Amino acid sequence: MSNSSRIETREIADAELDSVAGGLSVSGSVEGLTAKFAPGPNGLPVLTDASVKSLGLTVSDIELGPIAG
């Protein structure tokens, strides 16, 4: 049997969220990005090859709470 925490959910009306802030914080970095382009139709460049040496991504939760003001 799983030993997981219970998650409670409920519907929240839009009006209740008008004075609440929160969400996700997303940040990241790219190292060693290279890209090759070729002439495309109408003179627009077309990506033909790309590579990345290293990619980092962090996603954090911003707790819900009242908007300070």
Protein backbone atom coordinates (compact mmCIF):
# COMPACT_ATOMS: atom_id res chain seq x y z
CA MET A 1 0.00 0.00 0.00
CA SER A 2 1.21 3.49 -0.86
CA ASN A 3 2.32 5.83 1.91
CA SER A 4 1.37 9.11 0.20
CA SER A 5 -0.11 12.29 1.60
CA ARG A 6 -3.77 13.07 1.07
CA ILE A 7 -4.47 15.92 -1.34
CA GLU A 8 -7.57 18.00 -0.75
CA THR A 9 -9.25 19.83 -3.61
CA ARG A 10 -12.17 22.22 -3.91
CA GLU A 11 -13.61 24.58 -6.48
CA ILE A 12 -12.80 28.26 -6.04
CA ALA A 13 -14.89 31.01 -7.58
CA ASP A 14 -13.08 33.57 -9.75
CA ALA A 15 -14.07 36.37 -7.38
CA GLU A 16 -12.29 34.60 -4.51
CA LEU A 17 -9.04 34.64 -6.50
CA ASP A 18 -9.09 38.38 -7.22
CA SER A 19 -7.17 39.15 -4.02
CA VAL A 20 -4.82 36.14 -4.04
CA ALA A 21 -1.31 35.93 -5.48
CA GLY A 22 0.69 32.81 -6.22
CA GLY A 23 1.79 30.47 -8.97
CA LEU A 24 5.02 29.07 -10.32
CA SER A 25 8.50 30.51 -10.62
CA VAL A 26 10.39 29.16 -13.65
CA SER A 27 14.05 29.83 -14.41
CA GLY A 28 16.65 28.19 -16.56
CA SER A 29 19.94 28.41 -18.39
CA VAL A 30 21.40 27.21 -21.69
CA GLU A 31 25.09 26.61 -22.35
CA GLY A 32 26.74 25.95 -25.68
CA LEU A 33 23.81 26.76 -27.94
CA THR A 34 24.66 26.56 -31.66
CA ALA A 35 22.31 26.95 -34.57
CA LYS A 36 22.64 26.79 -38.35
CA PHE A 37 20.31 28.58 -40.74
CA ALA A 38 19.76 28.42 -44.48
CA PRO A 39 17.97 30.85 -46.76
CA GLY A 40 14.32 29.95 -46.96
CA PRO A 41 11.29 31.05 -48.94
CA ASN A 42 10.69 34.79 -49.20
CA GLY A 43 14.17 35.44 -47.78
CA LEU A 44 13.26 34.18 -44.31
CA PRO A 45 15.97 32.07 -42.65
CA VAL A 46 15.12 28.44 -41.86
CA LEU A 47 16.71 26.60 -38.93
CA THR A 48 18.48 23.53 -40.35
CA ASP A 49 20.52 22.28 -37.36
CA ALA A 50 20.84 23.08 -33.65
CA SER A 51 22.56 21.69 -30.56
CA VAL A 52 22.83 22.46 -26.85
CA LYS A 53 25.70 21.41 -24.60
CA SER A 54 23.85 21.89 -21.32
CA LEU A 55 20.32 22.86 -20.29
CA GLY A 56 19.07 23.62 -16.77
CA LEU A 57 15.50 24.24 -15.67
CA THR A 58 14.11 25.00 -12.23
CA VAL A 59 10.42 25.17 -11.37
CA SER A 60 9.39 26.33 -7.89
CA ASP A 61 6.00 26.76 -6.25
CA ILE A 62 4.99 30.22 -5.02
CA GLU A 63 2.51 29.66 -2.21
CA LEU A 64 -0.92 31.18 -2.51
CA GLY A 65 -1.55 34.07 -0.21
CA PRO A 66 -3.24 37.47 0.08
CA ILE A 67 -2.01 40.31 -2.12
CA ALA A 68 -0.11 42.80 0.00
CA GLY A 69 -1.20 46.35 -0.46
